């Protein structure tokens, strides 16, 4: 009966744990998201300013060459 209790030992190879992954910081993600949003907002302001300037320039040019609608009125040329 003693020979039934005696067995070969079971050898288990344990791999070393993987290196710790860096923690995800919300600060870095937040700054990159705000940077992208800031870039989009800045581009929108620039494009909006250019489009607005073109519209105002065209309107002033059209008003300068148009005759007054009523002979009693005078254009201010602003």
C-alpha atoms as a PDB file:
ATOM      1  CA  UNK A   1       0.000   0.000   0.000  1.00  0.00           C
ATOM      2  CA  UNK A   2       2.900   2.325   0.592  1.00  0.00           C
ATOM      3  CA  UNK A   3       3.966   2.035  -3.041  1.00  0.00           C
ATOM      4  CA  UNK A   4       0.584   3.534  -4.085  1.00  0.00           C
ATOM      5  CA  UNK A   5       1.242   6.674  -2.059  1.00  0.00           C
ATOM      6  CA  UNK A   6       4.734   7.185  -3.455  1.00  0.00           C
ATOM      7  CA  UNK A   7       4.524   8.923  -6.806  1.00  0.00           C
ATOM      8  CA  UNK A   8       6.791  10.898  -9.007  1.00  0.00           C
ATOM      9  CA  UNK A   9       6.687  14.570  -8.066  1.00  0.00           C
ATOM     10  CA  UNK A  10       4.762  16.873 -10.366  1.00  0.00           C
ATOM     11  CA  UNK A  11       6.978  19.668 -11.640  1.00  0.00           C
ATOM     12  CA  UNK A  12       5.267  22.871 -12.688  1.00  0.00           C
ATOM     13  CA  UNK A  13       7.248  25.515 -14.528  1.00  0.00           C
ATOM     14  CA  UNK A  14       6.030  28.985 -13.660  1.00  0.00           C
ATOM     15  CA  UNK A  15       6.846  31.696 -16.155  1.00  0.00           C
ATOM     16  CA  UNK A  16       7.858  35.043 -14.743  1.00  0.00           C
ATOM     17  CA  UNK A  17       5.033  37.591 -14.703  1.00  0.00           C
ATOM     18  CA  UNK A  18       4.899  39.986 -17.656  1.00  0.00           C
ATOM     19  CA  UNK A  19       6.271  43.469 -17.100  1.00  0.00           C
ATOM     20  CA  UNK A  20       3.824  45.906 -15.610  1.00  0.00           C
ATOM     21  CA  UNK A  21       1.979  47.978 -18.175  1.00  0.00           C
ATOM     22  CA  UNK A  22       2.011  51.723 -17.667  1.00  0.00           C
ATOM     23  CA  UNK A  23      -1.196  53.028 -16.215  1.00  0.00           C
ATOM     24  CA  UNK A  24      -3.511  54.921 -18.509  1.00  0.00           C
ATOM     25  CA  UNK A  25      -3.582  58.489 -17.378  1.00  0.00           C
ATOM     26  CA  UNK A  26      -6.715  60.426 -18.062  1.00  0.00           C
ATOM     27  CA  UNK A  27      -4.692  63.633 -18.041  1.00  0.00           C
ATOM     28  CA  UNK A  28      -2.768  62.702 -21.161  1.00  0.00           C
ATOM     29  CA  UNK A  29      -5.884  61.626 -23.001  1.00  0.00           C
ATOM     30  CA  UNK A  30      -7.691  64.773 -21.897  1.00  0.00           C
ATOM     31  CA  UNK A  31      -4.884  67.033 -23.073  1.00  0.00           C
ATOM     32  CA  UNK A  32      -4.690  65.352 -26.447  1.00  0.00           C
ATOM     33  CA  UNK A  33      -8.474  65.571 -26.882  1.00  0.00           C
ATOM     34  CA  UNK A  34      -8.497  69.229 -25.875  1.00  0.00           C
ATOM     35  CA  UNK A  35      -5.597  69.872 -28.225  1.00  0.00           C
ATOM     36  CA  UNK A  36      -7.514  68.382 -31.137  1.00  0.00           C
ATOM     37  CA  UNK A  37     -10.675  70.302 -30.250  1.00  0.00           C
ATOM     38  CA  UNK A  38      -8.665  73.487 -29.861  1.00  0.00           C
ATOM     39  CA  UNK A  39      -7.127  72.972 -33.290  1.00  0.00           C
ATOM     40  CA  UNK A  40     -10.555  72.440 -34.856  1.00  0.00           C
ATOM     41  CA  UNK A  41     -11.968  75.544 -33.130  1.00  0.00           C
ATOM     42  CA  UNK A  42      -8.987  77.642 -34.225  1.00  0.00           C
ATOM     43  CA  UNK A  43      -9.379  76.454 -37.815  1.00  0.00           C
ATOM     44  CA  UNK A  44     -13.112  77.278 -37.671  1.00  0.00           C
ATOM     45  CA  UNK A  45     -12.373  80.820 -36.450  1.00  0.00           C
ATOM     46  CA  UNK A  46      -9.817  81.398 -39.187  1.00  0.00           C
ATOM     47  CA  UNK A  47     -12.006  80.028 -41.986  1.00  0.00           C
ATOM     48  CA  UNK A  48     -15.047  81.878 -40.615  1.00  0.00           C
ATOM     49  CA  UNK A  49     -13.108  85.140 -40.489  1.00  0.00           C
ATOM     50  CA  UNK A  50     -11.918  84.730 -44.066  1.00  0.00           C
ATOM     51  CA  UNK A  51     -15.400  83.860 -45.354  1.00  0.00           C
ATOM     52  CA  UNK A  52     -16.939  86.760 -43.411  1.00  0.00           C
ATOM     53  CA  UNK A  53     -14.360  89.203 -44.758  1.00  0.00           C
ATOM     54  CA  UNK A  54     -15.028  88.052 -48.326  1.00  0.00           C
ATOM     55  CA  UNK A  55     -18.795  88.406 -47.872  1.00  0.00           C
ATOM     56  CA  UNK A  56     -18.460  91.917 -46.391  1.00  0.00           C
ATOM     57  CA  UNK A  57     -15.997  92.963 -49.119  1.00  0.00           C
ATOM     58  CA  UNK A  58     -18.320  91.740 -51.892  1.00  0.00           C
ATOM     59  CA  UNK A  59     -21.322  93.453 -50.295  1.00  0.00           C
ATOM     60  CA  UNK A  60     -19.489  96.765 -49.960  1.00  0.00           C
ATOM     61  CA  UNK A  61     -18.267  96.519 -53.543  1.00  0.00           C
ATOM     62  CA  UNK A  62     -21.802  95.830 -54.782  1.00  0.00           C
ATOM     63  CA  UNK A  63     -23.242  98.693 -52.702  1.00  0.00           C
ATOM     64  CA  UNK A  64     -20.610 101.152 -53.924  1.00  0.00           C
ATOM     65  CA  UNK A  65     -21.432 100.555 -57.572  1.00  0.00           C
ATOM     66  CA  UNK A  66     -25.233 100.474 -57.167  1.00  0.00           C
ATOM     67  CA  UNK A  67     -27.209 103.671 -57.591  1.00  0.00           C
ATOM     68  CA  UNK A  68     -29.426 104.863 -54.724  1.00  0.00           C
ATOM     69  CA  UNK A  69     -32.841 103.213 -54.663  1.00  0.00           C
ATOM     70  CA  UNK A  70     -34.642 106.487 -53.980  1.00  0.00           C
ATOM     71  CA  UNK A  71     -33.468 109.843 -55.332  1.00  0.00           C
ATOM     72  CA  UNK A  72     -34.062 111.440 -51.917  1.00  0.00           C
ATOM     73  CA  UNK A  73     -31.754 108.955 -50.163  1.00  0.00           C
ATOM     74  CA  UNK A  74     -28.017 109.189 -49.891  1.00  0.00           C
ATOM     75  CA  UNK A  75     -25.557 106.312 -49.468  1.00  0.00           C
ATOM     76  CA  UNK A  76     -23.314 106.582 -46.426  1.00  0.00           C
ATOM     77  CA  UNK A  77     -20.400 104.613 -47.996  1.00  0.00           C
ATOM     78  CA  UNK A  78     -19.533 102.897 -44.740  1.00  0.00           C
END
